[in-house]
Amino acid sequence: MSAVLVPGEAVSEIEEVAKTKKVVLGPGLRRTNDSVLACKAGVLCKKAPNMFWIDSYQRRYVPVRGECVLGVVTQKAGDIFRVDIGAHEQACLSYLAFEGATKKNRPDIQLGDLLYARLVVASRDLEPELVCVNSHGKKEKLGVLNDGFVFNCSINLVRKILNKNCPLLQALQREMPFEVAVGMNGRIWIKAKTMRETIAVGNAILATEFVSNDDIRKLCENIGNILFT
């Protein structure tokens, strides 16, 4: 399925499927009465059994519930932190949204801190809301990210390197140890042993944006020799 859609266009393929089966609408699609309309320009994609979304090149992030993002703390207002996640408005984060946080045991969050958090509220009618715990109340990899290097990229590149068929991150980790946090809002945080290795990993990720998976595999075969060139 590779139909190109523009905003406001009705998607008849999904409407036909929805008559007999349950469908799931992803980013870029919206149901209006009995019609399914595209709300952004791009290519219509499908994942079995009946999940549809529109894939498009974008740099402005539109919050989606359940996605993990990288944000910067910009303001503290009472019991709420304001976090810049690169969306149309800042997200809010309660001091209780951390593992083990209580009124007496508050997390040490400062202005300018970089956070890896998960969206629990993402609606066009409500401000985005973040938490730094999973569904079981555990921290896992969420929370404040110390040191390291963060850079911006397109959302398409984020989706590409997180795809299970993309061999890039696995190949880089075989060459050198490093930590990485990939935000669905187009921000990536990297921390390696040295600054040189950190920058090299970042450059390798940015260089693969317009490279096919087959070319990435060829690149990864000799990644150790060309990483620092």
N, C-alpha and C. Protein backbone atom coordinates (compact mmCIF):
# COMPACT_ATOMS: atom_id res chain seq x y z
N MET A 1 0.85 -1.19 0.00
CA MET A 1 0.00 0.00 0.00
C MET A 1 0.89 1.24 0.00
N SER A 2 0.80 2.05 -1.08
CA SER A 2 1.69 3.20 -1.20
C SER A 2 0.96 4.41 -1.77
N ALA A 3 -0.32 4.58 -1.43
CA ALA A 3 -1.08 5.71 -1.92
C ALA A 3 -0.60 6.99 -1.25
N VAL A 4 -0.47 8.05 -2.05
CA VAL A 4 -0.06 9.36 -1.53
C VAL A 4 -1.31 10.18 -1.25
N LEU A 5 -1.42 10.69 -0.02
CA LEU A 5 -2.61 11.42 0.40
C LEU A 5 -2.27 12.85 0.76
N VAL A 6 -3.27 13.71 0.66
CA VAL A 6 -3.13 15.11 1.06
C VAL A 6 -4.16 15.39 2.15
N PRO A 7 -3.95 16.42 2.98
CA PRO A 7 -4.89 16.70 4.07
C PRO A 7 -6.32 16.92 3.57
N GLY A 8 -7.27 16.29 4.25
CA GLY A 8 -8.67 16.42 3.89
C GLY A 8 -9.18 15.37 2.93
N GLU A 9 -8.28 14.56 2.39
CA GLU A 9 -8.68 13.54 1.42
C GLU A 9 -9.26 12.32 2.14
N ALA A 10 -10.38 11.82 1.62
CA ALA A 10 -11.01 10.63 2.19
C ALA A 10 -10.23 9.38 1.77
N VAL A 11 -10.09 8.45 2.70
CA VAL A 11 -9.34 7.21 2.44
C VAL A 11 -10.35 6.08 2.26
N SER A 12 -10.70 5.82 1.02
CA SER A 12 -11.74 4.83 0.73
C SER A 12 -11.29 3.41 1.07
N GLU A 13 -9.96 3.13 0.96
CA GLU A 13 -9.47 1.78 1.26
C GLU A 13 -9.77 1.39 2.70
N ILE A 14 -9.57 2.33 3.62
CA ILE A 14 -9.83 2.04 5.04
C ILE A 14 -11.32 1.93 5.30
N GLU A 15 -12.10 2.78 4.65
CA GLU A 15 -13.55 2.76 4.85
C GLU A 15 -14.14 1.42 4.44
N GLU A 16 -13.62 0.82 3.37
CA GLU A 16 -14.12 -0.48 2.92
C GLU A 16 -13.77 -1.57 3.93
N VAL A 17 -12.55 -1.53 4.46
CA VAL A 17 -12.14 -2.53 5.45
C VAL A 17 -12.94 -2.38 6.74
N ALA A 18 -13.22 -1.12 7.13
CA ALA A 18 -13.92 -0.86 8.39
C ALA A 18 -15.37 -1.35 8.38
N LYS A 19 -15.92 -1.62 7.21
CA LYS A 19 -17.30 -2.10 7.15
C LYS A 19 -17.44 -3.51 7.72
N THR A 20 -16.38 -4.29 7.64
CA THR A 20 -16.46 -5.69 8.08
C THR A 20 -15.48 -6.03 9.20
N LYS A 21 -14.43 -5.20 9.38
CA LYS A 21 -13.42 -5.50 10.38
C LYS A 21 -13.10 -4.27 11.21
N LYS A 22 -12.52 -4.50 12.36
CA LYS A 22 -12.08 -3.40 13.22
C LYS A 22 -10.73 -2.90 12.75
N VAL A 23 -10.59 -1.59 12.61
CA VAL A 23 -9.33 -1.00 12.15
C VAL A 23 -8.79 -0.06 13.23
N VAL A 24 -7.48 0.11 13.21
CA VAL A 24 -6.80 1.02 14.13
C VAL A 24 -6.17 2.14 13.31
N LEU A 25 -6.50 3.38 13.65
CA LEU A 25 -5.98 4.54 12.93
C LEU A 25 -4.80 5.12 13.68
N GLY A 26 -3.68 5.25 12.99
CA GLY A 26 -2.48 5.80 13.58
C GLY A 26 -2.30 7.27 13.23
N PRO A 27 -1.08 7.80 13.40
CA PRO A 27 -0.81 9.21 13.12
C PRO A 27 -1.15 9.59 11.69
N GLY A 28 -1.77 10.76 11.53
CA GLY A 28 -2.09 11.28 10.21
C GLY A 28 -3.48 10.96 9.71
N LEU A 29 -4.23 10.14 10.46
CA LEU A 29 -5.58 9.76 10.05
C LEU A 29 -6.58 10.13 11.14
N ARG A 30 -7.79 10.47 10.71
CA ARG A 30 -8.82 10.87 11.67
C ARG A 30 -10.18 10.42 11.16
N ARG A 31 -10.99 9.92 12.09
CA ARG A 31 -12.35 9.49 11.73
C ARG A 31 -13.32 10.64 11.94
N THR A 32 -14.10 10.95 10.93
CA THR A 32 -15.14 11.97 11.00
C THR A 32 -16.45 11.36 10.54
N ASN A 33 -17.38 11.19 11.48
CA ASN A 33 -18.63 10.48 11.20
C ASN A 33 -18.30 9.09 10.67
N ASP A 34 -18.72 8.79 9.45
CA ASP A 34 -18.45 7.47 8.87
C ASP A 34 -17.27 7.49 7.90
N SER A 35 -16.56 8.61 7.84
CA SER A 35 -15.46 8.75 6.89
C SER A 35 -14.12 8.77 7.62
N VAL A 36 -13.09 8.33 6.92
CA VAL A 36 -11.71 8.40 7.43
C VAL A 36 -10.97 9.39 6.56
N LEU A 37 -10.45 10.46 7.19
CA LEU A 37 -9.79 11.53 6.46
C LEU A 37 -8.32 11.61 6.83
N ALA A 38 -7.52 12.03 5.86
CA ALA A 38 -6.10 12.29 6.11
C ALA A 38 -5.96 13.70 6.68
N CYS A 39 -5.15 13.84 7.72
CA CYS A 39 -4.94 15.17 8.31
C CYS A 39 -3.52 15.67 8.10
N LYS A 40 -2.73 14.94 7.31
CA LYS A 40 -1.42 15.43 6.88
C LYS A 40 -1.03 14.73 5.59
N ALA A 41 -0.13 15.34 4.85
CA ALA A 41 0.30 14.77 3.58
C ALA A 41 1.35 13.70 3.80
N GLY A 42 1.25 12.63 3.01
CA GLY A 42 2.23 11.56 3.13
C GLY A 42 1.77 10.29 2.45
N VAL A 43 2.47 9.19 2.75
CA VAL A 43 2.19 7.90 2.14
C VAL A 43 1.40 7.04 3.13
N LEU A 44 0.32 6.45 2.64
CA LEU A 44 -0.50 5.58 3.48
C LEU A 44 0.20 4.25 3.69
N CYS A 45 0.34 3.85 4.96
CA CYS A 45 1.01 2.60 5.30
C CYS A 45 0.05 1.70 6.08
N LYS A 46 0.33 0.40 6.02
CA LYS A 46 -0.52 -0.58 6.71
C LYS A 46 0.34 -1.61 7.40
N LYS A 47 -0.10 -2.01 8.59
CA LYS A 47 0.54 -3.09 9.33
C LYS A 47 -0.54 -4.10 9.70
N ALA A 48 -0.22 -5.37 9.47
CA ALA A 48 -1.20 -6.42 9.74
C ALA A 48 -1.59 -6.44 11.22
N PRO A 49 -2.86 -6.72 11.54
CA PRO A 49 -3.89 -7.05 10.55
C PRO A 49 -4.54 -5.82 9.90
N ASN A 50 -4.92 -4.82 10.70
CA ASN A 50 -5.65 -3.69 10.13
C ASN A 50 -5.27 -2.38 10.82
N MET A 51 -3.99 -2.08 10.86
CA MET A 51 -3.52 -0.82 11.42
C MET A 51 -3.01 0.07 10.29
N PHE A 52 -3.50 1.31 10.24
CA PHE A 52 -3.15 2.23 9.16
C PHE A 52 -2.58 3.52 9.74
N TRP A 53 -1.64 4.12 9.02
CA TRP A 53 -1.11 5.43 9.40
C TRP A 53 -0.50 6.08 8.16
N ILE A 54 -0.16 7.36 8.30
CA ILE A 54 0.45 8.11 7.20
C ILE A 54 1.89 8.42 7.57
N ASP A 55 2.80 8.01 6.70
CA ASP A 55 4.22 8.26 6.91
C ASP A 55 4.61 9.48 6.10
N SER A 56 5.21 10.47 6.76
CA SER A 56 5.59 11.70 6.08
C SER A 56 6.85 12.26 6.71
N TYR A 57 7.55 13.09 5.96
CA TYR A 57 8.76 13.73 6.49
C TYR A 57 8.34 14.93 7.32
N GLN A 58 8.72 14.95 8.59
CA GLN A 58 8.34 16.05 9.46
C GLN A 58 9.39 16.28 10.53
N ARG A 59 9.50 17.52 10.95
CA ARG A 59 10.40 17.88 12.05
C ARG A 59 9.62 18.36 13.27
N ARG A 60 8.42 18.88 13.07
CA ARG A 60 7.59 19.29 14.19
C ARG A 60 6.92 18.06 14.79
N TYR A 61 7.11 17.87 16.08
CA TYR A 61 6.59 16.67 16.74
C TYR A 61 5.14 16.88 17.17
N VAL A 62 4.32 15.90 16.89
CA VAL A 62 2.93 15.87 17.36
C VAL A 62 2.84 14.79 18.43
N PRO A 63 2.55 15.16 19.68
CA PRO A 63 2.55 14.18 20.78
C PRO A 63 1.60 13.02 20.53
N VAL A 64 2.07 11.82 20.87
CA VAL A 64 1.28 10.60 20.76
C VAL A 64 1.38 9.85 22.09
N ARG A 65 0.24 9.46 22.62
CA ARG A 65 0.22 8.78 23.91
C ARG A 65 1.02 7.48 23.86
N GLY A 66 1.85 7.28 24.89
CA GLY A 66 2.64 6.06 25.00
C GLY A 66 4.04 6.18 24.45
N GLU A 67 4.34 7.24 23.69
CA GLU A 67 5.67 7.38 23.12
C GLU A 67 6.64 7.96 24.15
N CYS A 68 7.90 7.58 24.02
CA CYS A 68 8.96 8.12 24.89
C CYS A 68 9.65 9.27 24.18
N VAL A 69 9.87 10.36 24.91
CA VAL A 69 10.44 11.56 24.32
C VAL A 69 11.56 12.09 25.20
N LEU A 70 12.40 12.93 24.61
CA LEU A 70 13.44 13.65 25.34
C LEU A 70 13.00 15.09 25.49
N GLY A 71 13.04 15.60 26.71
CA GLY A 71 12.61 16.97 26.97
C GLY A 71 13.53 17.69 27.92
N VAL A 72 13.47 19.01 27.88
CA VAL A 72 14.29 19.86 28.73
C VAL A 72 13.39 20.60 29.71
N VAL A 73 13.73 20.55 30.98
CA VAL A 73 12.95 21.25 32.01
C VAL A 73 13.17 22.75 31.86
N THR A 74 12.10 23.49 31.65
CA THR A 74 12.20 24.93 31.42
C THR A 74 11.62 25.77 32.55
N GLN A 75 10.75 25.16 33.37
CA GLN A 75 10.08 25.96 34.40
C GLN A 75 9.58 25.04 35.51
N LYS A 76 9.57 25.57 36.71
CA LYS A 76 8.99 24.86 37.85
C LYS A 76 7.90 25.73 38.44
N ALA A 77 6.66 25.21 38.41
CA ALA A 77 5.52 25.97 38.92
C ALA A 77 4.80 25.14 39.97
N GLY A 78 5.10 25.39 41.24
CA GLY A 78 4.48 24.63 42.32
C GLY A 78 4.95 23.19 42.30
N ASP A 79 4.01 22.28 42.12
CA ASP A 79 4.33 20.85 42.09
C ASP A 79 4.48 20.32 40.67
N ILE A 80 4.49 21.22 39.70
CA ILE A 80 4.53 20.82 38.30
C ILE A 80 5.78 21.37 37.63
N PHE A 81 6.42 20.54 36.81
CA PHE A 81 7.53 20.97 35.97
C PHE A 81 7.01 21.16 34.55
N ARG A 82 7.50 22.21 33.88
CA ARG A 82 7.21 22.42 32.47
C ARG A 82 8.40 21.91 31.66
N VAL A 83 8.09 21.08 30.65
CA VAL A 83 9.14 20.42 29.89
C VAL A 83 8.95 20.70 28.40
N ASP A 84 10.02 21.16 27.76
CA ASP A 84 9.99 21.41 26.32
C ASP A 84 10.28 20.11 25.59
N ILE A 85 9.30 19.61 24.82
CA ILE A 85 9.48 18.38 24.05
C ILE A 85 9.45 18.64 22.55
N GLY A 86 9.49 19.92 22.16
CA GLY A 86 9.51 20.26 20.74
C GLY A 86 8.15 20.22 20.08
N ALA A 87 7.07 20.20 20.86
CA ALA A 87 5.72 20.17 20.31
C ALA A 87 5.16 21.60 20.27
N HIS A 88 3.86 21.71 19.94
CA HIS A 88 3.24 23.03 19.83
C HIS A 88 3.11 23.72 21.18
N GLU A 89 3.14 22.95 22.27
CA GLU A 89 3.16 23.53 23.60
C GLU A 89 3.96 22.64 24.53
N GLN A 90 4.38 23.20 25.65
CA GLN A 90 5.19 22.44 26.59
C GLN A 90 4.35 21.42 27.34
N ALA A 91 5.02 20.36 27.77
CA ALA A 91 4.35 19.29 28.52
C ALA A 91 4.51 19.55 30.01
N CYS A 92 3.60 18.98 30.80
CA CYS A 92 3.67 19.10 32.25
C CYS A 92 4.13 17.77 32.84
N LEU A 93 4.83 17.86 33.96
CA LEU A 93 5.37 16.68 34.63
C LEU A 93 5.25 16.89 36.13
N SER A 94 4.49 16.03 36.80
CA SER A 94 4.33 16.13 38.25
C SER A 94 5.55 15.57 38.96
N TYR A 95 5.87 16.14 40.13
CA TYR A 95 7.01 15.62 40.89
C TYR A 95 6.72 14.23 41.45
N LEU A 96 5.44 13.82 41.44
CA LEU A 96 5.08 12.48 41.90
C LEU A 96 5.20 11.43 40.79
N ALA A 97 5.54 11.88 39.57
CA ALA A 97 5.61 10.96 38.42
C ALA A 97 6.99 10.31 38.30
N PHE A 98 7.66 10.10 39.44
CA PHE A 98 8.95 9.43 39.48
C PHE A 98 8.86 8.25 40.44
N GLU A 99 9.69 7.25 40.22
CA GLU A 99 9.67 6.07 41.08
C GLU A 99 10.06 6.44 42.51
N GLY A 100 9.22 6.06 43.46
CA GLY A 100 9.49 6.31 44.87
C GLY A 100 9.28 7.73 45.33
N ALA A 101 8.73 8.59 44.47
CA ALA A 101 8.55 10.00 44.85
C ALA A 101 7.35 10.16 45.77
N THR A 102 7.53 10.96 46.82
CA THR A 102 6.45 11.31 47.74
C THR A 102 6.54 12.80 48.04
N LYS A 103 5.63 13.30 48.86
CA LYS A 103 5.68 14.71 49.22
C LYS A 103 6.94 15.04 50.02
N LYS A 104 7.44 14.06 50.79
CA LYS A 104 8.65 14.29 51.57
C LYS A 104 9.91 13.92 50.79
N ASN A 105 9.78 13.00 49.86
CA ASN A 105 10.93 12.54 49.08
C ASN A 105 10.75 12.97 47.63
N ARG A 106 11.06 14.22 47.37
CA ARG A 106 10.88 14.77 46.03
C ARG A 106 12.12 14.53 45.17
N PRO A 107 11.94 14.33 43.88
CA PRO A 107 13.09 14.14 42.99
C PRO A 107 13.89 15.43 42.84
N ASP A 108 15.18 15.29 42.66
CA ASP A 108 16.06 16.45 42.50
C ASP A 108 16.11 16.84 41.02
N ILE A 109 15.17 17.68 40.62
CA ILE A 109 15.06 18.12 39.23
C ILE A 109 15.38 19.61 39.18
N GLN A 110 16.30 19.98 38.30
CA GLN A 110 16.71 21.37 38.16
C GLN A 110 16.35 21.89 36.77
N LEU A 111 16.24 23.20 36.65
CA LEU A 111 15.99 23.81 35.35
C LEU A 111 17.14 23.49 34.41
N GLY A 112 16.81 23.10 33.19
CA GLY A 112 17.83 22.73 32.21
C GLY A 112 18.16 21.26 32.17
N ASP A 113 17.62 20.47 33.11
CA ASP A 113 17.87 19.02 33.09
C ASP A 113 17.22 18.38 31.87
N LEU A 114 17.89 17.36 31.35
CA LEU A 114 17.37 16.59 30.22
C LEU A 114 16.67 15.36 30.76
N LEU A 115 15.42 15.16 30.35
CA LEU A 115 14.61 14.05 30.84
C LEU A 115 14.23 13.10 29.71
N TYR A 116 14.21 11.82 30.04
CA TYR A 116 13.66 10.81 29.14
C TYR A 116 12.36 10.34 29.77
N ALA A 117 11.24 10.68 29.15
CA ALA A 117 9.94 10.46 29.79
C ALA A 117 8.95 9.87 28.79
N ARG A 118 7.82 9.41 29.34
CA ARG A 118 6.78 8.79 28.53
C ARG A 118 5.51 9.63 28.59
N LEU A 119 4.85 9.78 27.44
CA LEU A 119 3.62 10.55 27.36
C LEU A 119 2.44 9.70 27.82
N VAL A 120 1.67 10.22 28.76
CA VAL A 120 0.46 9.52 29.21
C VAL A 120 -0.80 10.26 28.78
N VAL A 121 -0.67 11.54 28.45
CA VAL A 121 -1.79 12.32 27.92
C VAL A 121 -1.29 13.04 26.68
N ALA A 122 -1.97 12.81 25.56
CA ALA A 122 -1.62 13.47 24.30
C ALA A 122 -2.90 13.69 23.51
N SER A 123 -3.44 14.88 23.62
CA SER A 123 -4.70 15.21 22.96
C SER A 123 -4.62 16.63 22.44
N ARG A 124 -5.31 16.89 21.35
CA ARG A 124 -5.31 18.24 20.80
C ARG A 124 -6.05 19.21 21.71
N ASP A 125 -6.86 18.69 22.64
CA ASP A 125 -7.64 19.54 23.54
C ASP A 125 -7.00 19.70 24.92
N LEU A 126 -5.96 18.91 25.22
CA LEU A 126 -5.31 18.95 26.53
C LEU A 126 -3.81 19.11 26.36
N GLU A 127 -3.15 19.70 27.35
CA GLU A 127 -1.71 19.82 27.28
C GLU A 127 -1.07 18.46 27.51
N PRO A 128 0.05 18.17 26.86
CA PRO A 128 0.71 16.87 27.04
C PRO A 128 1.15 16.68 28.49
N GLU A 129 1.08 15.44 28.95
CA GLU A 129 1.50 15.12 30.32
C GLU A 129 2.51 13.97 30.27
N LEU A 130 3.58 14.11 31.05
CA LEU A 130 4.66 13.14 31.07
C LEU A 130 4.75 12.41 32.40
N VAL A 131 5.33 11.22 32.36
CA VAL A 131 5.71 10.49 33.57
C VAL A 131 7.08 9.86 33.33
N CYS A 132 7.80 9.61 34.41
CA CYS A 132 9.12 8.98 34.32
C CYS A 132 9.11 7.59 34.93
N VAL A 133 7.98 6.90 34.79
CA VAL A 133 7.84 5.51 35.24
C VAL A 133 7.06 4.75 34.18
N ASN A 134 7.20 3.42 34.19
CA ASN A 134 6.42 2.60 33.26
C ASN A 134 5.05 2.30 33.86
N SER A 135 4.32 1.41 33.22
CA SER A 135 2.96 1.10 33.68
C SER A 135 2.95 0.39 35.03
N HIS A 136 4.11 -0.15 35.46
CA HIS A 136 4.21 -0.83 36.75
C HIS A 136 4.82 0.07 37.83
N GLY A 137 5.03 1.34 37.51
CA GLY A 137 5.59 2.27 38.48
C GLY A 137 7.09 2.19 38.65
N LYS A 138 7.78 1.50 37.72
CA LYS A 138 9.23 1.36 37.79
C LYS A 138 9.92 2.35 36.85
N LYS A 139 11.12 2.75 37.24
CA LYS A 139 11.86 3.75 36.48
C LYS A 139 12.37 3.22 35.15
N GLU A 140 12.97 2.04 35.17
CA GLU A 140 13.65 1.47 34.00
C GLU A 140 14.67 2.48 33.47
N LYS A 141 14.56 2.89 32.20
CA LYS A 141 15.54 3.81 31.62
C LYS A 141 15.05 5.26 31.63
N LEU A 142 13.90 5.50 32.23
CA LEU A 142 13.33 6.85 32.24
C LEU A 142 13.94 7.68 33.37
N GLY A 143 13.84 9.01 33.22
CA GLY A 143 14.35 9.90 34.25
C GLY A 143 15.35 10.89 33.70
N VAL A 144 16.18 11.44 34.60
CA VAL A 144 17.17 12.45 34.22
C VAL A 144 18.36 11.77 33.54
N LEU A 145 18.81 12.36 32.43
CA LEU A 145 19.98 11.87 31.71
C LEU A 145 21.15 12.80 32.01
N ASN A 146 22.21 12.26 32.58
CA ASN A 146 23.36 13.06 32.97
C ASN A 146 24.48 12.94 31.94
N ASP A 147 25.21 14.04 31.77
CA ASP A 147 26.34 14.10 30.84
C ASP A 147 25.87 13.74 29.44
N GLY A 148 26.75 13.16 28.64
CA GLY A 148 26.37 12.75 27.30
C GLY A 148 26.18 13.92 26.35
N PHE A 149 25.62 13.62 25.19
CA PHE A 149 25.45 14.59 24.11
C PHE A 149 24.09 14.36 23.47
N VAL A 150 23.32 15.43 23.29
CA VAL A 150 21.99 15.33 22.69
C VAL A 150 21.96 16.16 21.42
N PHE A 151 21.30 15.64 20.39
CA PHE A 151 21.18 16.37 19.13
C PHE A 151 19.80 16.12 18.54
N ASN A 152 19.41 17.03 17.64
CA ASN A 152 18.11 16.94 16.98
C ASN A 152 18.26 16.29 15.61
N CYS A 153 17.21 15.61 15.19
CA CYS A 153 17.17 15.01 13.86
C CYS A 153 15.71 14.95 13.42
N SER A 154 15.49 14.48 12.21
CA SER A 154 14.12 14.36 11.73
C SER A 154 13.43 13.18 12.41
N ILE A 155 12.12 13.25 12.50
CA ILE A 155 11.36 12.17 13.11
C ILE A 155 11.44 10.91 12.26
N ASN A 156 11.61 11.09 10.95
CA ASN A 156 11.76 9.93 10.07
C ASN A 156 13.01 9.13 10.41
N LEU A 157 14.11 9.82 10.74
CA LEU A 157 15.34 9.12 11.10
C LEU A 157 15.16 8.34 12.39
N VAL A 158 14.43 8.90 13.35
CA VAL A 158 14.17 8.19 14.60
C VAL A 158 13.41 6.90 14.33
N ARG A 159 12.37 6.99 13.53
CA ARG A 159 11.59 5.80 13.20
C ARG A 159 12.44 4.77 12.46
N LYS A 160 13.35 5.27 11.63
CA LYS A 160 14.17 4.37 10.83
C LYS A 160 15.12 3.57 11.70
N ILE A 161 15.84 4.23 12.62
CA ILE A 161 16.83 3.50 13.42
C ILE A 161 16.18 2.63 14.48
N LEU A 162 14.91 2.92 14.84
CA LEU A 162 14.21 2.07 15.80
C LEU A 162 13.52 0.89 15.13
N ASN A 163 13.49 0.90 13.81
CA ASN A 163 12.89 -0.23 13.09
C ASN A 163 13.71 -1.49 13.35
N LYS A 164 13.02 -2.60 13.59
CA LYS A 164 13.72 -3.85 13.92
C LYS A 164 14.60 -4.34 12.78
N ASN A 165 14.34 -3.88 11.56
CA ASN A 165 15.14 -4.32 10.41
C ASN A 165 16.38 -3.46 10.19
N CYS A 166 16.52 -2.37 10.95
CA CYS A 166 17.68 -1.49 10.79
C CYS A 166 18.83 -2.01 11.67
N PRO A 167 19.97 -2.34 11.09
CA PRO A 167 21.07 -2.95 11.85
C PRO A 167 22.04 -1.95 12.46
N LEU A 168 21.77 -0.65 12.36
CA LEU A 168 22.76 0.36 12.71
C LEU A 168 23.19 0.31 14.18
N LEU A 169 22.24 0.42 15.11
CA LEU A 169 22.59 0.51 16.52
C LEU A 169 23.30 -0.75 17.01
N GLN A 170 22.85 -1.91 16.54
CA GLN A 170 23.50 -3.16 16.95
C GLN A 170 24.94 -3.22 16.46
N ALA A 171 25.17 -2.75 15.23
CA ALA A 171 26.52 -2.77 14.67
C ALA A 171 27.44 -1.80 15.42
N LEU A 172 26.92 -0.63 15.78
CA LEU A 172 27.73 0.34 16.52
C LEU A 172 28.08 -0.18 17.91
N GLN A 173 27.14 -0.85 18.55
CA GLN A 173 27.39 -1.37 19.90
C GLN A 173 28.38 -2.52 19.89
N ARG A 174 28.50 -3.21 18.77
CA ARG A 174 29.52 -4.26 18.68
C ARG A 174 30.92 -3.66 18.60
N GLU A 175 31.03 -2.44 18.09
CA GLU A 175 32.34 -1.80 17.94
C GLU A 175 32.78 -1.08 19.20
N MET A 176 31.83 -0.52 19.95
CA MET A 176 32.19 0.23 21.16
C MET A 176 30.99 0.29 22.08
N PRO A 177 31.21 0.33 23.39
CA PRO A 177 30.09 0.45 24.32
C PRO A 177 29.60 1.90 24.41
N PHE A 178 28.31 2.08 24.38
CA PHE A 178 27.74 3.41 24.57
C PHE A 178 26.29 3.28 24.99
N GLU A 179 25.78 4.34 25.60
CA GLU A 179 24.37 4.41 25.99
C GLU A 179 23.65 5.32 25.02
N VAL A 180 22.39 4.99 24.74
CA VAL A 180 21.61 5.80 23.82
C VAL A 180 20.16 5.85 24.29
N ALA A 181 19.56 7.02 24.16
CA ALA A 181 18.13 7.20 24.43
C ALA A 181 17.54 7.92 23.23
N VAL A 182 16.61 7.27 22.57
CA VAL A 182 16.02 7.80 21.34
C VAL A 182 14.62 8.30 21.64
N GLY A 183 14.40 9.59 21.46
CA GLY A 183 13.08 10.16 21.67
C GLY A 183 12.30 10.23 20.37
N MET A 184 11.03 9.88 20.43
CA MET A 184 10.20 9.93 19.23
C MET A 184 9.92 11.35 18.77
N ASN A 185 10.37 12.34 19.54
CA ASN A 185 10.20 13.74 19.15
C ASN A 185 11.40 14.27 18.38
N GLY A 186 12.26 13.39 17.87
CA GLY A 186 13.36 13.83 17.03
C GLY A 186 14.58 14.29 17.80
N ARG A 187 14.80 13.72 18.99
CA ARG A 187 15.99 14.03 19.79
C ARG A 187 16.65 12.72 20.21
N ILE A 188 17.97 12.69 20.13
CA ILE A 188 18.73 11.49 20.47
C ILE A 188 19.83 11.87 21.44
N TRP A 189 19.95 11.11 22.53
CA TRP A 189 20.99 11.32 23.54
C TRP A 189 21.97 10.16 23.48
N ILE A 190 23.27 10.49 23.48
CA ILE A 190 24.32 9.47 23.39
C ILE A 190 25.37 9.75 24.46
N LYS A 191 25.88 8.67 25.06
CA LYS A 191 26.96 8.79 26.03
C LYS A 191 27.91 7.62 25.83
N ALA A 192 29.14 7.92 25.42
CA ALA A 192 30.18 6.91 25.24
C ALA A 192 31.32 7.20 26.22
N LYS A 193 32.40 6.41 26.12
CA LYS A 193 33.51 6.57 27.06
C LYS A 193 34.22 7.90 26.87
N THR A 194 34.37 8.32 25.62
CA THR A 194 35.06 9.58 25.34
C THR A 194 34.18 10.46 24.47
N MET A 195 34.49 11.75 24.46
CA MET A 195 33.73 12.67 23.62
C MET A 195 33.90 12.34 22.15
N ARG A 196 35.10 11.87 21.77
CA ARG A 196 35.35 11.53 20.37
C ARG A 196 34.45 10.39 19.92
N GLU A 197 34.32 9.37 20.75
CA GLU A 197 33.45 8.25 20.41
C GLU A 197 31.99 8.68 20.38
N THR A 198 31.61 9.57 21.31
CA THR A 198 30.23 10.05 21.34
C THR A 198 29.87 10.78 20.06
N ILE A 199 30.76 11.68 19.62
CA ILE A 199 30.50 12.44 18.39
C ILE A 199 30.51 11.51 17.17
N ALA A 200 31.40 10.52 17.19
CA ALA A 200 31.48 9.58 16.06
C ALA A 200 30.18 8.79 15.92
N VAL A 201 29.61 8.36 17.03
CA VAL A 201 28.35 7.62 16.99
C VAL A 201 27.23 8.53 16.47
N GLY A 202 27.21 9.77 16.94
CA GLY A 202 26.19 10.71 16.47
C GLY A 202 26.29 10.97 14.98
N ASN A 203 27.51 11.13 14.48
CA ASN A 203 27.70 11.35 13.04
C ASN A 203 27.28 10.13 12.22
N ALA A 204 27.56 8.94 12.76
CA ALA A 204 27.16 7.71 12.05
C ALA A 204 25.64 7.61 11.95
N ILE A 205 24.94 8.00 13.02
CA ILE A 205 23.47 7.95 12.99
C ILE A 205 22.92 8.95 11.99
N LEU A 206 23.43 10.18 12.01
CA LEU A 206 22.93 11.21 11.10
C LEU A 206 23.21 10.86 9.64
N ALA A 207 24.30 10.15 9.39
CA ALA A 207 24.68 9.83 8.01
C ALA A 207 23.77 8.79 7.37
N THR A 208 22.95 8.11 8.16
CA THR A 208 22.13 7.03 7.61
C THR A 208 20.70 7.46 7.28
N GLU A 209 20.40 8.75 7.39
CA GLU A 209 19.01 9.18 7.20
C GLU A 209 18.49 8.84 5.81
N PHE A 210 19.30 9.05 4.78
CA PHE A 210 18.84 8.82 3.41
C PHE A 210 19.52 7.60 2.79
N VAL A 211 19.93 6.66 3.63
CA VAL A 211 20.60 5.44 3.17
C VAL A 211 19.66 4.26 3.37
N SER A 212 19.59 3.39 2.39
CA SER A 212 18.72 2.22 2.49
C SER A 212 19.29 1.22 3.49
N ASN A 213 18.44 0.30 3.94
CA ASN A 213 18.88 -0.71 4.91
C ASN A 213 19.98 -1.60 4.34
N ASP A 214 19.90 -1.88 3.04
CA ASP A 214 20.94 -2.70 2.42
C ASP A 214 22.29 -2.00 2.45
N ASP A 215 22.28 -0.68 2.18
CA ASP A 215 23.53 0.08 2.23
C ASP A 215 24.03 0.22 3.67
N ILE A 216 23.10 0.30 4.62
CA ILE A 216 23.51 0.37 6.03
C ILE A 216 24.22 -0.91 6.43
N ARG A 217 23.72 -2.04 5.98
CA ARG A 217 24.37 -3.32 6.30
C ARG A 217 25.79 -3.37 5.72
N LYS A 218 25.96 -2.86 4.51
CA LYS A 218 27.29 -2.82 3.91
C LYS A 218 28.20 -1.88 4.70
N LEU A 219 27.63 -0.76 5.13
CA LEU A 219 28.40 0.20 5.92
C LEU A 219 28.81 -0.40 7.25
N CYS A 220 27.92 -1.18 7.86
CA CYS A 220 28.19 -1.75 9.17
C CYS A 220 29.26 -2.83 9.12
N GLU A 221 29.44 -3.46 7.97
CA GLU A 221 30.46 -4.50 7.85
C GLU A 221 31.86 -3.95 8.07
N ASN A 222 32.03 -2.66 7.77
CA ASN A 222 33.35 -2.05 7.91
C ASN A 222 33.29 -0.81 8.81
N ILE A 223 32.32 -0.81 9.74
CA ILE A 223 32.08 0.39 10.54
C ILE A 223 33.26 0.72 11.43
N GLY A 224 33.98 -0.28 11.89
CA GLY A 224 35.10 -0.02 12.78
C GLY A 224 36.22 0.75 12.13
N ASN A 225 36.42 0.56 10.82
CA ASN A 225 37.51 1.24 10.12
C ASN A 225 37.17 2.66 9.71
N ILE A 226 35.88 2.93 9.49
CA ILE A 226 35.51 4.25 8.96
C ILE A 226 34.85 5.14 10.00
N LEU A 227 34.68 4.64 11.22
CA LEU A 227 33.92 5.39 12.22
C LEU A 227 34.57 6.71 12.56
N PHE A 228 35.89 6.76 12.60
CA PHE A 228 36.57 7.97 13.05
C PHE A 228 37.18 8.76 11.89
N THR A 229 36.83 8.42 10.66
CA THR A 229 37.38 9.15 9.52
C THR A 229 36.60 10.41 9.27
